[in-house]
Amino acid sequence: MKRTLLVLLALCLPALSACRAKAYRNDVAPQTLALLGAEAAGMEAPVFAGADELAEITGQREELPDIAVCYAADGNSLDEFGVWRAGSDDIKAAASLLRAYLSSTYENNRAYYDSYIPAETPKLRDAEVRVYGAYAVYAILSPESRERFFSKIETELAPVSPENTRDWQIARVFFGKLTKYSQ
């Protein structure tokens, strides 16, 4: 009976850990991710946004958060993306601010962009915000570039594999002891 109970417990622990959200690294500088993302998106010579532009995006003028924003140097391209590392408590607020920034930028500039660079407007309309643990990331890119960009960001933040979690380690110990006792 004890052995059966231990086997069931060992089988349930990994299943419980799979129910949790992915665990991403939080030790990568947003500037590093932005440079790697620019390369993946095929952006040549990206320009980092200055303090005034960051304050406009984040709504914070006194103390800027840990954020890196890059945009294309070419005036005929709307390519832009940003990586914001926020605390776990602040990540929803950061993602919300980025969504509001993208929405207002689209609404306030759509007519101008449609008259000036109409092929670029869909990038802004379809801009996306994704959250990876403590990072809120947005991209104003073509669909192909956006997917390459987000894929690179996710790869660099390397979710912790379930096999390395404490629950799996406990399960392996139980299986090892069960195997030893059943022989």
Protein backbone atom coordinates (compact mmCIF):
# COMPACT_ATOMS: atom_id res chain seq x y z
CA MET A 1 0.00 0.00 0.00
CA LYS A 2 2.81 2.41 0.92
CA ARG A 3 4.59 1.66 -2.31
CA THR A 4 1.44 2.36 -4.36
CA LEU A 5 0.88 5.62 -2.52
CA LEU A 6 4.47 6.69 -3.15
CA VAL A 7 4.19 5.85 -6.84
CA LEU A 8 0.99 7.88 -7.14
CA LEU A 9 2.56 10.81 -5.27
CA ALA A 10 5.64 10.68 -7.48
CA LEU A 11 3.46 10.70 -10.59
CA CYS A 12 1.35 13.63 -9.36
CA LEU A 13 4.19 16.01 -8.47
CA PRO A 14 5.39 16.59 -12.04
CA ALA A 15 1.80 17.06 -13.22
CA LEU A 16 1.28 19.76 -10.61
CA SER A 17 4.42 21.63 -11.68
CA ALA A 18 3.19 21.63 -15.30
CA CYS A 19 0.15 23.65 -14.20
CA ARG A 20 2.33 26.60 -13.24
CA ALA A 21 3.21 29.37 -15.69
CA LYS A 22 6.52 29.21 -17.51
CA ALA A 23 9.44 30.58 -15.51
CA TYR A 24 11.61 32.95 -17.52
CA ARG A 25 15.00 34.41 -16.69
CA ASN A 26 14.92 37.94 -15.30
CA ASP A 27 18.63 38.70 -15.39
CA VAL A 28 19.04 39.79 -19.02
CA ALA A 29 19.41 43.53 -19.60
CA PRO A 30 16.66 45.01 -21.82
CA GLN A 31 19.36 46.65 -23.96
CA THR A 32 20.93 43.25 -24.66
CA LEU A 33 17.56 41.78 -25.62
CA ALA A 34 16.84 44.79 -27.84
CA LEU A 35 20.10 44.38 -29.75
CA LEU A 36 19.55 40.65 -30.20
CA GLY A 37 15.96 41.30 -31.22
CA ALA A 38 17.04 43.91 -33.77
CA GLU A 39 19.37 41.40 -35.36
CA ALA A 40 16.65 38.72 -35.45
CA ALA A 41 14.14 41.17 -36.96
CA GLY A 42 16.63 42.17 -39.64
CA MET A 43 16.78 45.78 -38.50
CA GLU A 44 19.97 47.42 -39.68
CA ALA A 45 21.56 50.11 -37.50
CA PRO A 46 18.76 50.39 -34.92
CA VAL A 47 18.55 53.64 -32.99
CA PHE A 48 17.96 53.54 -29.23
CA ALA A 49 15.31 55.91 -27.97
CA GLY A 50 16.40 58.77 -25.75
CA ALA A 51 15.09 59.75 -22.33
CA ASP A 52 12.33 62.03 -23.70
CA GLU A 53 10.98 59.28 -25.96
CA LEU A 54 11.10 56.74 -23.13
CA ALA A 55 9.22 59.14 -20.85
CA GLU A 56 6.55 59.53 -23.52
CA ILE A 57 6.14 55.76 -23.85
CA THR A 58 6.17 54.96 -20.13
CA GLY A 59 4.50 58.08 -18.79
CA GLN A 60 7.29 58.42 -16.22
CA ARG A 61 9.54 61.47 -16.34
CA GLU A 62 11.35 61.46 -13.00
CA GLU A 63 12.74 57.95 -12.79
CA LEU A 64 12.77 55.94 -15.99
CA PRO A 65 12.09 52.22 -15.68
CA ASP A 66 14.45 49.52 -16.96
CA ILE A 67 13.47 49.73 -20.63
CA ALA A 68 15.15 49.73 -24.03
CA VAL A 69 13.36 50.97 -27.14
CA CYS A 70 14.76 50.72 -30.66
CA TYR A 71 13.45 52.11 -33.89
CA ALA A 72 14.59 52.13 -37.49
CA ALA A 73 16.85 54.98 -38.55
CA ASP A 74 15.09 55.02 -41.92
CA GLY A 75 12.33 57.65 -41.93
CA ASN A 76 10.25 55.50 -44.29
CA SER A 77 9.86 52.68 -41.78
CA LEU A 78 7.73 52.43 -38.65
CA ASP A 79 9.79 49.53 -37.30
CA GLU A 80 10.05 49.89 -33.55
CA PHE A 81 10.15 47.62 -30.53
CA GLY A 82 10.79 47.81 -26.84
CA VAL A 83 11.76 45.58 -23.94
CA TRP A 84 10.66 46.65 -20.45
CA ARG A 85 11.89 44.75 -17.41
CA ALA A 86 9.47 45.37 -14.57
CA GLY A 87 9.05 43.75 -11.19
CA SER A 88 6.62 40.83 -11.04
CA ASP A 89 4.08 43.10 -9.33
CA ASP A 90 4.43 45.78 -12.01
CA ILE A 91 4.41 43.63 -15.15
CA LYS A 92 0.67 43.91 -15.80
CA ALA A 93 0.83 47.69 -15.45
CA ALA A 94 3.85 47.85 -17.78
CA ALA A 95 2.10 45.73 -20.42
CA SER A 96 -1.02 47.87 -20.07
CA LEU A 97 0.99 51.07 -20.56
CA LEU A 98 2.64 49.64 -23.66
CA ARG A 99 -0.72 48.62 -25.13
CA ALA A 100 -2.07 52.13 -24.46
CA TYR A 101 1.03 53.64 -26.10
CA LEU A 102 0.57 51.50 -29.22
CA SER A 103 -3.15 52.22 -29.41
CA SER A 104 -2.77 55.98 -29.02
CA THR A 105 0.14 56.10 -31.48
CA TYR A 106 -1.99 54.30 -34.06
CA GLU A 107 -5.09 56.44 -33.50
CA ASN A 108 -3.20 59.75 -33.39
CA ASN A 109 -0.99 59.10 -36.43
CA ARG A 110 -2.97 56.80 -38.70
CA ALA A 111 -4.12 59.48 -41.15
CA TYR A 112 -0.62 60.92 -41.47
CA TYR A 113 1.01 57.53 -41.98
CA ASP A 114 -1.67 56.50 -44.48
CA SER A 115 -0.85 59.56 -46.57
CA TYR A 116 2.94 59.34 -46.16
CA ILE A 117 3.86 55.64 -45.90
CA PRO A 118 0.64 53.61 -46.32
CA ALA A 119 2.46 50.27 -46.60
CA GLU A 120 3.80 50.76 -43.05
CA THR A 121 0.46 51.48 -41.32
CA PRO A 122 -0.50 47.78 -40.91
CA LYS A 123 2.64 47.27 -38.80
CA LEU A 124 1.37 49.79 -36.27
CA ARG A 125 -2.21 48.55 -36.46
CA ASP A 126 -1.09 44.97 -35.79
CA ALA A 127 1.55 45.85 -33.19
CA GLU A 128 1.73 43.37 -30.36
CA VAL A 129 2.66 43.23 -26.68
CA ARG A 130 3.80 39.99 -25.07
CA VAL A 131 4.82 39.24 -21.49
CA TYR A 132 7.71 36.93 -20.64
CA GLY A 133 7.94 36.67 -16.87
CA ALA A 134 9.20 40.06 -15.67
CA TYR A 135 9.50 41.48 -19.22
CA ALA A 136 6.83 43.30 -21.24
CA VAL A 137 7.87 43.38 -24.89
CA TYR A 138 6.22 45.18 -27.80
CA ALA A 139 6.91 45.13 -31.53
CA ILE A 140 5.82 47.30 -34.43
CA LEU A 141 7.17 45.12 -37.22
CA SER A 142 6.02 43.14 -40.25
CA PRO A 143 4.43 39.79 -39.31
CA GLU A 144 7.54 37.84 -40.34
CA SER A 145 9.97 40.14 -38.55
CA ARG A 146 7.72 40.29 -35.50
CA GLU A 147 7.67 36.50 -35.17
CA ARG A 148 11.46 36.28 -35.55
CA PHE A 149 11.84 39.06 -32.98
CA PHE A 150 9.53 37.47 -30.38
CA SER A 151 11.05 34.05 -31.00
CA LYS A 152 14.53 35.44 -30.30
CA ILE A 153 13.35 37.19 -27.12
CA GLU A 154 11.73 34.00 -25.85
CA THR A 155 14.83 31.96 -26.67
CA GLU A 156 17.12 34.41 -24.87
CA LEU A 157 14.90 34.42 -21.79
CA ALA A 158 15.02 30.61 -21.89
CA PRO A 159 12.10 29.30 -19.87
CA VAL A 160 13.26 26.99 -17.13
CA SER A 161 12.57 23.43 -18.22
CA PRO A 162 10.20 21.46 -15.98
CA GLU A 163 12.85 18.76 -15.55
CA ASN A 164 14.94 21.21 -13.55
CA THR A 165 12.19 22.26 -11.17
CA ARG A 166 12.14 21.12 -7.57
CA ASP A 167 9.01 18.99 -8.11
CA TRP A 168 10.70 16.93 -10.80
CA GLN A 169 13.82 16.51 -8.67
CA ILE A 170 11.68 15.21 -5.79
CA ALA A 171 9.89 12.83 -8.16
CA ARG A 172 13.22 11.46 -9.43
CA VAL A 173 14.35 10.82 -5.84
CA PHE A 174 11.10 8.97 -5.10
CA PHE A 175 11.40 6.89 -8.26
CA GLY A 176 15.02 6.07 -7.42
CA LYS A 177 14.05 4.92 -3.90
CA LEU A 178 11.04 2.95 -5.18
CA THR A 179 13.18 1.16 -7.71
CA LYS A 180 15.73 0.34 -5.02
CA TYR A 181 13.07 -1.02 -2.62
CA SER A 182 11.18 -3.04 -5.19
CA GLN A 183 14.26 -5.05 -6.30
